[in-house]
Amino acid sequence: MLREDCAQGIQNLTLTEKLPHTIYNIGSGRAATNGELLAAVKRAVPTCTLEIQEGRSPRWRQDVYMDITRIQADTGYAPKYTVETGVQDYVAWLRAGNAR
C-alpha cells in the first residue's frame, strides 16, 4: 500500500458522516509474500541482485494481513495499488530524487 491508498482510506473515513465502528484497517486486503515483493523489485530494478531463502518460517503457519472488509463496506474504500504497481511507483519516486 502506498501513501496515496493510505491517504484515500483516511479521507474516506473522515468524510463519511456516520461510521458504525471505531477501528478500521487500511491496506491491500491480502497478504503479500517476501518472494512476491522481491520479484516486483527485480522487475522494477533489473540490476537488483538480492536473494531470499525459499520456504516459509515455521513461526508463520498462515498468511496474516489486515482485513479491510469494514472500510470497504462502510466507506467504499478500494486500494488502487498492487505490490507490482506500488514497487514501480516507489522506484520511480526514488529515481526522481526523493529521499528514502
PDB file of N, CA and C in Angstrom:
ATOM      1  N   MET A   1       0.849  -1.167   0.000  1.00  0.00           N
ATOM      2  CA  MET A   1       0.000   0.000   0.000  1.00  0.00           C
ATOM      3  C   MET A   1       0.895   1.230   0.000  1.00  0.00           C
ATOM      4  N   LEU A   2       0.566   2.140  -0.853  1.00  0.00           N
ATOM      5  CA  LEU A   2       1.331   3.378  -0.915  1.00  0.00           C
ATOM      6  C   LEU A   2       0.609   4.496  -0.200  1.00  0.00           C
ATOM      7  N   ARG A   3       1.326   5.571  -0.058  1.00  0.00           N
ATOM      8  CA  ARG A   3       0.781   6.711   0.683  1.00  0.00           C
ATOM      9  C   ARG A   3      -0.542   7.189   0.097  1.00  0.00           C
ATOM     10  N   GLU A   4      -0.738   7.063  -1.232  1.00  0.00           N
ATOM     11  CA  GLU A   4      -1.994   7.503  -1.835  1.00  0.00           C
ATOM     12  C   GLU A   4      -3.172   6.637  -1.371  1.00  0.00           C
ATOM     13  N   ASP A   5      -2.958   5.324  -1.280  1.00  0.00           N
ATOM     14  CA  ASP A   5      -4.012   4.449  -0.770  1.00  0.00           C
ATOM     15  C   ASP A   5      -4.315   4.763   0.688  1.00  0.00           C
ATOM     16  N   CYS A   6      -3.276   4.976   1.474  1.00  0.00           N
ATOM     17  CA  CYS A   6      -3.465   5.312   2.886  1.00  0.00           C
ATOM     18  C   CYS A   6      -4.229   6.626   3.025  1.00  0.00           C
ATOM     19  N   ALA A   7      -3.811   7.619   2.250  1.00  0.00           N
ATOM     20  CA  ALA A   7      -4.483   8.921   2.306  1.00  0.00           C
ATOM     21  C   ALA A   7      -5.943   8.799   1.881  1.00  0.00           C
ATOM     22  N   GLN A   8      -6.212   7.995   0.850  1.00  0.00           N
ATOM     23  CA  GLN A   8      -7.595   7.811   0.397  1.00  0.00           C
ATOM     24  C   GLN A   8      -8.437   7.155   1.473  1.00  0.00           C
ATOM     25  N   GLY A   9      -7.881   6.142   2.136  1.00  0.00           N
ATOM     26  CA  GLY A   9      -8.608   5.485   3.217  1.00  0.00           C
ATOM     27  C   GLY A   9      -8.926   6.434   4.354  1.00  0.00           C
ATOM     28  N   ILE A  10      -7.964   7.243   4.750  1.00  0.00           N
ATOM     29  CA  ILE A  10      -8.189   8.216   5.828  1.00  0.00           C
ATOM     30  C   ILE A  10      -9.220   9.256   5.398  1.00  0.00           C
ATOM     31  N   GLN A  11      -9.118   9.711   4.161  1.00  0.00           N
ATOM     32  CA  GLN A  11     -10.090  10.688   3.657  1.00  0.00           C
ATOM     33  C   GLN A  11     -11.499  10.089   3.663  1.00  0.00           C
ATOM     34  N   ASN A  12     -11.628   8.855   3.197  1.00  0.00           N
ATOM     35  CA  ASN A  12     -12.944   8.211   3.211  1.00  0.00           C
ATOM     36  C   ASN A  12     -13.505   8.148   4.629  1.00  0.00           C
ATOM     37  N   LEU A  13     -12.651   7.805   5.590  1.00  0.00           N
ATOM     38  CA  LEU A  13     -13.114   7.720   6.976  1.00  0.00           C
ATOM     39  C   LEU A  13     -13.535   9.071   7.534  1.00  0.00           C
ATOM     40  N   THR A  14     -12.778  10.110   7.240  1.00  0.00           N
ATOM     41  CA  THR A  14     -13.106  11.423   7.801  1.00  0.00           C
ATOM     42  C   THR A  14     -14.300  12.070   7.116  1.00  0.00           C
ATOM     43  N   LEU A  15     -14.566  11.696   5.880  1.00  0.00           N
ATOM     44  CA  LEU A  15     -15.683  12.300   5.151  1.00  0.00           C
ATOM     45  C   LEU A  15     -16.985  11.510   5.252  1.00  0.00           C
ATOM     46  N   THR A  16     -16.907  10.300   5.797  1.00  0.00           N
ATOM     47  CA  THR A  16     -18.126   9.507   5.977  1.00  0.00           C
ATOM     48  C   THR A  16     -18.845  10.022   7.212  1.00  0.00           C
ATOM     49  N   GLU A  17     -20.103  10.395   7.023  1.00  0.00           N
ATOM     50  CA  GLU A  17     -20.841  11.058   8.096  1.00  0.00           C
ATOM     51  C   GLU A  17     -21.015  10.202   9.350  1.00  0.00           C
ATOM     52  N   LYS A  18     -21.383   8.953   9.190  1.00  0.00           N
ATOM     53  CA  LYS A  18     -21.606   8.099  10.355  1.00  0.00           C
ATOM     54  C   LYS A  18     -20.913   6.762  10.120  1.00  0.00           C
ATOM     55  N   LEU A  19     -20.037   6.398  11.052  1.00  0.00           N
ATOM     56  CA  LEU A  19     -19.306   5.137  10.963  1.00  0.00           C
ATOM     57  C   LEU A  19     -19.773   4.204  12.078  1.00  0.00           C
ATOM     58  N   PRO A  20     -20.114   2.955  11.748  1.00  0.00           N
ATOM     59  CA  PRO A  20     -20.601   2.030  12.768  1.00  0.00           C
ATOM     60  C   PRO A  20     -19.507   1.402  13.641  1.00  0.00           C
ATOM     61  N   HIS A  21     -18.239   1.608  13.278  1.00  0.00           N
ATOM     62  CA  HIS A  21     -17.132   1.034  14.045  1.00  0.00           C
ATOM     63  C   HIS A  21     -16.158   2.146  14.442  1.00  0.00           C
ATOM     64  N   THR A  22     -15.338   1.881  15.456  1.00  0.00           N
ATOM     65  CA  THR A  22     -14.336   2.863  15.876  1.00  0.00           C
ATOM     66  C   THR A  22     -12.946   2.540  15.359  1.00  0.00           C
ATOM     67  N   ILE A  23     -12.750   1.336  14.825  1.00  0.00           N
ATOM     68  CA  ILE A  23     -11.438   0.924  14.327  1.00  0.00           C
ATOM     69  C   ILE A  23     -11.592   0.385  12.905  1.00  0.00           C
ATOM     70  N   TYR A  24     -10.688   0.857  12.021  1.00  0.00           N
ATOM     71  CA  TYR A  24     -10.673   0.403  10.624  1.00  0.00           C
ATOM     72  C   TYR A  24      -9.243   0.126  10.201  1.00  0.00           C
ATOM     73  N   ASN A  25      -9.054  -0.890   9.393  1.00  0.00           N
ATOM     74  CA  ASN A  25      -7.756  -1.189   8.790  1.00  0.00           C
ATOM     75  C   ASN A  25      -7.716  -0.586   7.393  1.00  0.00           C
ATOM     76  N   ILE A  26      -6.550  -0.101   7.009  1.00  0.00           N
ATOM     77  CA  ILE A  26      -6.328   0.373   5.648  1.00  0.00           C
ATOM     78  C   ILE A  26      -5.170  -0.450   5.109  1.00  0.00           C
ATOM     79  N   GLY A  27      -5.379  -1.114   4.008  1.00  0.00           N
ATOM     80  CA  GLY A  27      -4.339  -1.957   3.429  1.00  0.00           C
ATOM     81  C   GLY A  27      -4.781  -2.448   2.069  1.00  0.00           C
ATOM     82  N   SER A  28      -4.117  -3.493   1.614  1.00  0.00           N
ATOM     83  CA  SER A  28      -4.454  -4.031   0.300  1.00  0.00           C
ATOM     84  C   SER A  28      -5.541  -5.096   0.378  1.00  0.00           C
ATOM     85  N   GLY A  29      -5.759  -5.643   1.559  1.00  0.00           N
ATOM     86  CA  GLY A  29      -6.776  -6.664   1.718  1.00  0.00           C
ATOM     87  C   GLY A  29      -6.282  -8.078   1.476  1.00  0.00           C
ATOM     88  N   ARG A  30      -4.989  -8.226   1.268  1.00  0.00           N
ATOM     89  CA  ARG A  30      -4.430  -9.561   1.089  1.00  0.00           C
ATOM     90  C   ARG A  30      -2.982  -9.581   1.544  1.00  0.00           C
ATOM     91  N   ALA A  31      -2.499 -10.762   1.856  1.00  0.00           N
ATOM     92  CA  ALA A  31      -1.102 -10.916   2.268  1.00  0.00           C
ATOM     93  C   ALA A  31      -0.207 -10.935   1.032  1.00  0.00           C
ATOM     94  N   ALA A  32       0.985 -10.377   1.169  1.00  0.00           N
ATOM     95  CA  ALA A  32       1.997 -10.422   0.108  1.00  0.00           C
ATOM     96  C   ALA A  32       3.235 -11.089   0.687  1.00  0.00           C
ATOM     97  N   THR A  33       3.800 -12.012  -0.053  1.00  0.00           N
ATOM     98  CA  THR A  33       4.984 -12.722   0.444  1.00  0.00           C
ATOM     99  C   THR A  33       6.246 -11.909   0.166  1.00  0.00           C
ATOM    100  N   ASN A  34       7.304 -12.248   0.897  1.00  0.00           N
ATOM    101  CA  ASN A  34       8.595 -11.615   0.633  1.00  0.00           C
ATOM    102  C   ASN A  34       9.053 -11.921  -0.788  1.00  0.00           C
ATOM    103  N   GLY A  35       8.778 -13.139  -1.257  1.00  0.00           N
ATOM    104  CA  GLY A  35       9.155 -13.525  -2.609  1.00  0.00           C
ATOM    105  C   GLY A  35       8.435 -12.701  -3.660  1.00  0.00           C
ATOM    106  N   GLU A  36       7.165 -12.440  -3.431  1.00  0.00           N
ATOM    107  CA  GLU A  36       6.381 -11.610  -4.350  1.00  0.00           C
ATOM    108  C   GLU A  36       6.937 -10.185  -4.389  1.00  0.00           C
ATOM    109  N   LEU A  37       7.279  -9.661  -3.223  1.00  0.00           N
ATOM    110  CA  LEU A  37       7.852  -8.325  -3.147  1.00  0.00           C
ATOM    111  C   LEU A  37       9.196  -8.267  -3.864  1.00  0.00           C
ATOM    112  N   LEU A  38      10.059  -9.241  -3.611  1.00  0.00           N
ATOM    113  CA  LEU A  38      11.367  -9.262  -4.258  1.00  0.00           C
ATOM    114  C   LEU A  38      11.230  -9.396  -5.781  1.00  0.00           C
ATOM    115  N   ALA A  39      10.318 -10.214  -6.243  1.00  0.00           N
ATOM    116  CA  ALA A  39      10.102 -10.366  -7.686  1.00  0.00           C
ATOM    117  C   ALA A  39       9.680  -9.037  -8.310  1.00  0.00           C
ATOM    118  N   ALA A  40       8.819  -8.291  -7.624  1.00  0.00           N
ATOM    119  CA  ALA A  40       8.393  -6.984  -8.128  1.00  0.00           C
ATOM    120  C   ALA A  40       9.566  -6.006  -8.149  1.00  0.00           C
ATOM    121  N   VAL A  41      10.410  -6.049  -7.122  1.00  0.00           N
ATOM    122  CA  VAL A  41      11.595  -5.184  -7.087  1.00  0.00           C
ATOM    123  C   VAL A  41      12.517  -5.521  -8.253  1.00  0.00           C
ATOM    124  N   LYS A  42      12.726  -6.804  -8.507  1.00  0.00           N
ATOM    125  CA  LYS A  42      13.620  -7.209  -9.596  1.00  0.00           C
ATOM    126  C   LYS A  42      13.066  -6.812 -10.966  1.00  0.00           C
ATOM    127  N   ARG A  43      11.758  -6.790 -11.121  1.00  0.00           N
ATOM    128  CA  ARG A  43      11.178  -6.333 -12.387  1.00  0.00           C
ATOM    129  C   ARG A  43      11.341  -4.823 -12.540  1.00  0.00           C
ATOM    130  N   ALA A  44      11.239  -4.093 -11.432  1.00  0.00           N
ATOM    131  CA  ALA A  44      11.381  -2.639 -11.476  1.00  0.00           C
ATOM    132  C   ALA A  44      12.840  -2.208 -11.554  1.00  0.00           C
ATOM    133  N   VAL A  45      13.724  -3.011 -10.965  1.00  0.00           N
ATOM    134  CA  VAL A  45      15.159  -2.705 -10.938  1.00  0.00           C
ATOM    135  C   VAL A  45      15.903  -3.960 -11.418  1.00  0.00           C
ATOM    136  N   PRO A  46      16.046  -4.122 -12.720  1.00  0.00           N
ATOM    137  CA  PRO A  46      16.644  -5.351 -13.260  1.00  0.00           C
ATOM    138  C   PRO A  46      18.055  -5.646 -12.746  1.00  0.00           C
ATOM    139  N   THR A  47      18.768  -4.646 -12.260  1.00  0.00           N
ATOM    140  CA  THR A  47      20.126  -4.876 -11.740  1.00  0.00           C
ATOM    141  C   THR A  47      20.126  -5.373 -10.300  1.00  0.00           C
ATOM    142  N   CYS A  48      18.968  -5.495  -9.691  1.00  0.00           N
ATOM    143  CA  CYS A  48      18.864  -5.966  -8.302  1.00  0.00           C
ATOM    144  C   CYS A  48      19.362  -7.404  -8.204  1.00  0.00           C
ATOM    145  N   THR A  49      20.268  -7.649  -7.273  1.00  0.00           N
ATOM    146  CA  THR A  49      20.835  -8.994  -7.097  1.00  0.00           C
ATOM    147  C   THR A  49      20.473  -9.605  -5.740  1.00  0.00           C
ATOM    148  N   LEU A  50      19.550  -9.019  -5.044  1.00  0.00           N
ATOM    149  CA  LEU A  50      19.136  -9.558  -3.746  1.00  0.00           C
ATOM    150  C   LEU A  50      18.527 -10.942  -3.918  1.00  0.00           C
ATOM    151  N   GLU A  51      18.698 -11.768  -2.925  1.00  0.00           N
ATOM    152  CA  GLU A  51      18.117 -13.111  -2.913  1.00  0.00           C
ATOM    153  C   GLU A  51      17.530 -13.367  -1.536  1.00  0.00           C
ATOM    154  N   ILE A  52      16.548 -14.219  -1.477  1.00  0.00           N
ATOM    155  CA  ILE A  52      15.996 -14.655  -0.195  1.00  0.00           C
ATOM    156  C   ILE A  52      15.934 -16.174  -0.199  1.00  0.00           C
ATOM    157  N   GLN A  53      15.845 -16.754   0.983  1.00  0.00           N
ATOM    158  CA  GLN A  53      15.729 -18.205   1.096  1.00  0.00           C
ATOM    159  C   GLN A  53      14.327 -18.630   0.691  1.00  0.00           C
ATOM    160  N   GLU A  54      14.246 -19.772   0.078  1.00  0.00           N
ATOM    161  CA  GLU A  54      12.951 -20.350  -0.273  1.00  0.00           C
ATOM    162  C   GLU A  54      12.248 -20.833   0.993  1.00  0.00           C
ATOM    163  N   GLY A  55      10.968 -20.932   0.924  1.00  0.00           N
ATOM    164  CA  GLY A  55      10.198 -21.509   2.016  1.00  0.00           C
ATOM    165  C   GLY A  55       9.647 -20.487   2.972  1.00  0.00           C
ATOM    166  N   ARG A  56       9.069 -20.988   4.012  1.00  0.00           N
ATOM    167  CA  ARG A  56       8.377 -20.166   4.993  1.00  0.00           C
ATOM    168  C   ARG A  56       8.892 -20.500   6.380  1.00  0.00           C
ATOM    169  N   SER A  57       9.000 -19.478   7.186  1.00  0.00           N
ATOM    170  CA  SER A  57       9.411 -19.692   8.566  1.00  0.00           C
ATOM    171  C   SER A  57       8.363 -20.563   9.267  1.00  0.00           C
ATOM    172  N   PRO A  58       8.798 -21.495  10.098  1.00  0.00           N
ATOM    173  CA  PRO A  58       7.827 -22.333  10.819  1.00  0.00           C
ATOM    174  C   PRO A  58       6.976 -21.529  11.798  1.00  0.00           C
ATOM    175  N   ARG A  59       7.411 -20.313  12.115  1.00  0.00           N
ATOM    176  CA  ARG A  59       6.618 -19.470  13.022  1.00  0.00           C
ATOM    177  C   ARG A  59       5.328 -18.985  12.353  1.00  0.00           C
ATOM    178  N   TRP A  60       5.288 -18.924  11.023  1.00  0.00           N
ATOM    179  CA  TRP A  60       4.131 -18.380  10.309  1.00  0.00           C
ATOM    180  C   TRP A  60       3.367 -19.516   9.647  1.00  0.00           C
ATOM    181  N   ARG A  61       2.300 -19.918  10.275  1.00  0.00           N
ATOM    182  CA  ARG A  61       1.516 -21.034   9.759  1.00  0.00           C
ATOM    183  C   ARG A  61       0.448 -20.571   8.767  1.00  0.00           C
ATOM    184  N   GLN A  62       0.149 -19.305   8.770  1.00  0.00           N
ATOM    185  CA  GLN A  62      -0.876 -18.787   7.863  1.00  0.00           C
ATOM    186  C   GLN A  62      -0.505 -17.375   7.420  1.00  0.00           C
ATOM    187  N   ASP A  63      -1.120 -16.950   6.328  1.00  0.00           N
ATOM    188  CA  ASP A  63      -0.897 -15.587   5.871  1.00  0.00           C
ATOM    189  C   ASP A  63      -1.622 -14.627   6.805  1.00  0.00           C
ATOM    190  N   VAL A  64      -0.929 -13.570   7.194  1.00  0.00           N
ATOM    191  CA  VAL A  64      -1.508 -12.598   8.109  1.00  0.00           C
ATOM    192  C   VAL A  64      -1.588 -11.256   7.390  1.00  0.00           C
ATOM    193  N   TYR A  65      -2.719 -10.653   7.424  1.00  0.00           N
ATOM    194  CA  TYR A  65      -2.908  -9.332   6.843  1.00  0.00           C
ATOM    195  C   TYR A  65      -4.089  -8.670   7.543  1.00  0.00           C
ATOM    196  N   MET A  66      -4.212  -7.391   7.355  1.00  0.00           N
ATOM    197  CA  MET A  66      -5.291  -6.658   7.999  1.00  0.00           C
ATOM    198  C   MET A  66      -6.529  -6.685   7.103  1.00  0.00           C
ATOM    199  N   ASP A  67      -7.623  -7.191   7.630  1.00  0.00           N
ATOM    200  CA  ASP A  67      -8.879  -7.300   6.903  1.00  0.00           C
ATOM    201  C   ASP A  67      -9.450  -5.906   6.645  1.00  0.00           C
ATOM    202  N   ILE A  68      -9.782  -5.615   5.398  1.00  0.00           N
ATOM    203  CA  ILE A  68     -10.303  -4.287   5.054  1.00  0.00           C
ATOM    204  C   ILE A  68     -11.800  -4.317   4.729  1.00  0.00           C
ATOM    205  N   THR A  69     -12.480  -5.407   5.123  1.00  0.00           N
ATOM    206  CA  THR A  69     -13.910  -5.534   4.835  1.00  0.00           C
ATOM    207  C   THR A  69     -14.714  -4.366   5.401  1.00  0.00           C
ATOM    208  N   ARG A  70     -14.423  -3.958   6.621  1.00  0.00           N
ATOM    209  CA  ARG A  70     -15.183  -2.862   7.251  1.00  0.00           C
ATOM    210  C   ARG A  70     -15.067  -1.564   6.466  1.00  0.00           C
ATOM    211  N   ILE A  71     -13.844  -1.156   6.154  1.00  0.00           N
ATOM    212  CA  ILE A  71     -13.653   0.128   5.477  1.00  0.00           C
ATOM    213  C   ILE A  71     -14.235   0.096   4.061  1.00  0.00           C
ATOM    214  N   GLN A  72     -14.175  -1.066   3.420  1.00  0.00           N
ATOM    215  CA  GLN A  72     -14.781  -1.190   2.094  1.00  0.00           C
ATOM    216  C   GLN A  72     -16.298  -1.027   2.187  1.00  0.00           C
ATOM    217  N   ALA A  73     -16.903  -1.732   3.133  1.00  0.00           N
ATOM    218  CA  ALA A  73     -18.356  -1.701   3.276  1.00  0.00           C
ATOM    219  C   ALA A  73     -18.868  -0.342   3.761  1.00  0.00           C
ATOM    220  N   ASP A  74     -18.139   0.273   4.699  1.00  0.00           N
ATOM    221  CA  ASP A  74     -18.645   1.495   5.328  1.00  0.00           C
ATOM    222  C   ASP A  74     -18.279   2.784   4.598  1.00  0.00           C
ATOM    223  N   THR A  75     -17.229   2.746   3.762  1.00  0.00           N
ATOM    224  CA  THR A  75     -16.804   3.985   3.090  1.00  0.00           C
ATOM    225  C   THR A  75     -16.588   3.835   1.594  1.00  0.00           C
ATOM    226  N   GLY A  76     -16.596   2.613   1.088  1.00  0.00           N
ATOM    227  CA  GLY A  76     -16.328   2.393  -0.328  1.00  0.00           C
ATOM    228  C   GLY A  76     -14.850   2.369  -0.681  1.00  0.00           C
ATOM    229  N   TYR A  77     -13.982   2.321   0.322  1.00  0.00           N
ATOM    230  CA  TYR A  77     -12.539   2.303   0.083  1.00  0.00           C
ATOM    231  C   TYR A  77     -12.151   1.115  -0.788  1.00  0.00           C
ATOM    232  N   ALA A  78     -11.288   1.381  -1.751  1.00  0.00           N
ATOM    233  CA  ALA A  78     -10.730   0.316  -2.593  1.00  0.00           C
ATOM    234  C   ALA A  78      -9.287   0.684  -2.911  1.00  0.00           C
ATOM    235  N   PRO A  79      -8.321  -0.140  -2.494  1.00  0.00           N
ATOM    236  CA  PRO A  79      -6.921   0.172  -2.789  1.00  0.00           C
ATOM    237  C   PRO A  79      -6.674   0.166  -4.295  1.00  0.00           C
ATOM    238  N   LYS A  80      -5.831   1.083  -4.747  1.00  0.00           N
ATOM    239  CA  LYS A  80      -5.511   1.179  -6.172  1.00  0.00           C
ATOM    240  C   LYS A  80      -4.199   0.491  -6.514  1.00  0.00           C
ATOM    241  N   TYR A  81      -3.331   0.341  -5.546  1.00  0.00           N
ATOM    242  CA  TYR A  81      -2.005  -0.206  -5.806  1.00  0.00           C
ATOM    243  C   TYR A  81      -1.929  -1.687  -5.486  1.00  0.00           C
ATOM    244  N   THR A  82      -1.195  -2.404  -6.318  1.00  0.00           N
ATOM    245  CA  THR A  82      -0.833  -3.790  -6.057  1.00  0.00           C
ATOM    246  C   THR A  82       0.626  -3.784  -5.605  1.00  0.00           C
ATOM    247  N   VAL A  83       1.147  -4.925  -5.237  1.00  0.00           N
ATOM    248  CA  VAL A  83       2.577  -4.994  -4.907  1.00  0.00           C
ATOM    249  C   VAL A  83       3.380  -4.506  -6.111  1.00  0.00           C
ATOM    250  N   GLU A  84       3.030  -4.984  -7.278  1.00  0.00           N
ATOM    251  CA  GLU A  84       3.759  -4.640  -8.503  1.00  0.00           C
ATOM    252  C   GLU A  84       3.721  -3.128  -8.786  1.00  0.00           C
ATOM    253  N   THR A  85       2.525  -2.556  -8.802  1.00  0.00           N
ATOM    254  CA  THR A  85       2.423  -1.121  -9.129  1.00  0.00           C
ATOM    255  C   THR A  85       2.971  -0.251  -8.005  1.00  0.00           C
ATOM    256  N   GLY A  86       2.857  -0.723  -6.770  1.00  0.00           N
ATOM    257  CA  GLY A  86       3.406   0.033  -5.643  1.00  0.00           C
ATOM    258  C   GLY A  86       4.921   0.110  -5.699  1.00  0.00           C
ATOM    259  N   VAL A  87       5.569  -1.013  -6.014  1.00  0.00           N
ATOM    260  CA  VAL A  87       7.032  -1.031  -6.138  1.00  0.00           C
ATOM    261  C   VAL A  87       7.464  -0.155  -7.307  1.00  0.00           C
ATOM    262  N   GLN A  88       6.787  -0.278  -8.440  1.00  0.00           N
ATOM    263  CA  GLN A  88       7.132   0.554  -9.606  1.00  0.00           C
ATOM    264  C   GLN A  88       7.029   2.042  -9.270  1.00  0.00           C
ATOM    265  N   ASP A  89       5.966   2.421  -8.589  1.00  0.00           N
ATOM    266  CA  ASP A  89       5.771   3.819  -8.213  1.00  0.00           C
ATOM    267  C   ASP A  89       6.858   4.288  -7.249  1.00  0.00           C
ATOM    268  N   TYR A  90       7.195   3.461  -6.270  1.00  0.00           N
ATOM    269  CA  TYR A  90       8.210   3.832  -5.286  1.00  0.00           C
ATOM    270  C   TYR A  90       9.587   3.968  -5.933  1.00  0.00           C
ATOM    271  N   VAL A  91       9.923   3.057  -6.817  1.00  0.00           N
ATOM    272  CA  VAL A  91      11.210   3.133  -7.523  1.00  0.00           C
ATOM    273  C   VAL A  91      11.268   4.411  -8.363  1.00  0.00           C
ATOM    274  N   ALA A  92      10.187   4.729  -9.057  1.00  0.00           N
ATOM    275  CA  ALA A  92      10.143   5.965  -9.855  1.00  0.00           C
ATOM    276  C   ALA A  92      10.284   7.192  -8.955  1.00  0.00           C
ATOM    277  N   TRP A  93       9.678   7.153  -7.778  1.00  0.00           N
ATOM    278  CA  TRP A  93       9.760   8.260  -6.825  1.00  0.00           C
ATOM    279  C   TRP A  93      11.198   8.445  -6.337  1.00  0.00           C
ATOM    280  N   LEU A  94      11.876   7.333  -6.038  1.00  0.00           N
ATOM    281  CA  LEU A  94      13.271   7.403  -5.620  1.00  0.00           C
ATOM    282  C   LEU A  94      14.156   7.912  -6.748  1.00  0.00           C
ATOM    283  N   ARG A  95      13.929   7.433  -7.948  1.00  0.00           N
ATOM    284  CA  ARG A  95      14.728   7.871  -9.102  1.00  0.00           C
ATOM    285  C   ARG A  95      14.515   9.342  -9.422  1.00  0.00           C
ATOM    286  N   ALA A  96      13.396   9.885  -9.003  1.00  0.00           N
ATOM    287  CA  ALA A  96      13.114  11.303  -9.210  1.00  0.00           C
ATOM    288  C   ALA A  96      13.888  12.185  -8.224  1.00  0.00           C
ATOM    289  N   GLY A  97      14.653  11.547  -7.326  1.00  0.00           N
ATOM    290  CA  GLY A  97      15.498  12.305  -6.406  1.00  0.00           C
ATOM    291  C   GLY A  97      14.948  12.466  -5.010  1.00  0.00           C
ATOM    292  N   ASN A  98      13.840  11.832  -4.714  1.00  0.00           N
ATOM    293  CA  ASN A  98      13.277  11.910  -3.358  1.00  0.00           C
ATOM    294  C   ASN A  98      14.082  11.044  -2.404  1.00  0.00           C
ATOM    295  N   ALA A  99      14.208  11.497  -1.184  1.00  0.00           N
ATOM    296  CA  ALA A  99      14.959  10.751  -0.165  1.00  0.00           C
ATOM    297  C   ALA A  99      14.128   9.570   0.320  1.00  0.00           C
ATOM    298  N   ARG A 100      14.832   8.504   0.716  1.00  0.00           N
ATOM    299  CA  ARG A 100      14.135   7.331   1.262  1.00  0.00           C
ATOM    300  C   ARG A 100      13.541   7.633   2.592  1.00  0.00           C
TER     301      ARG A 100
END
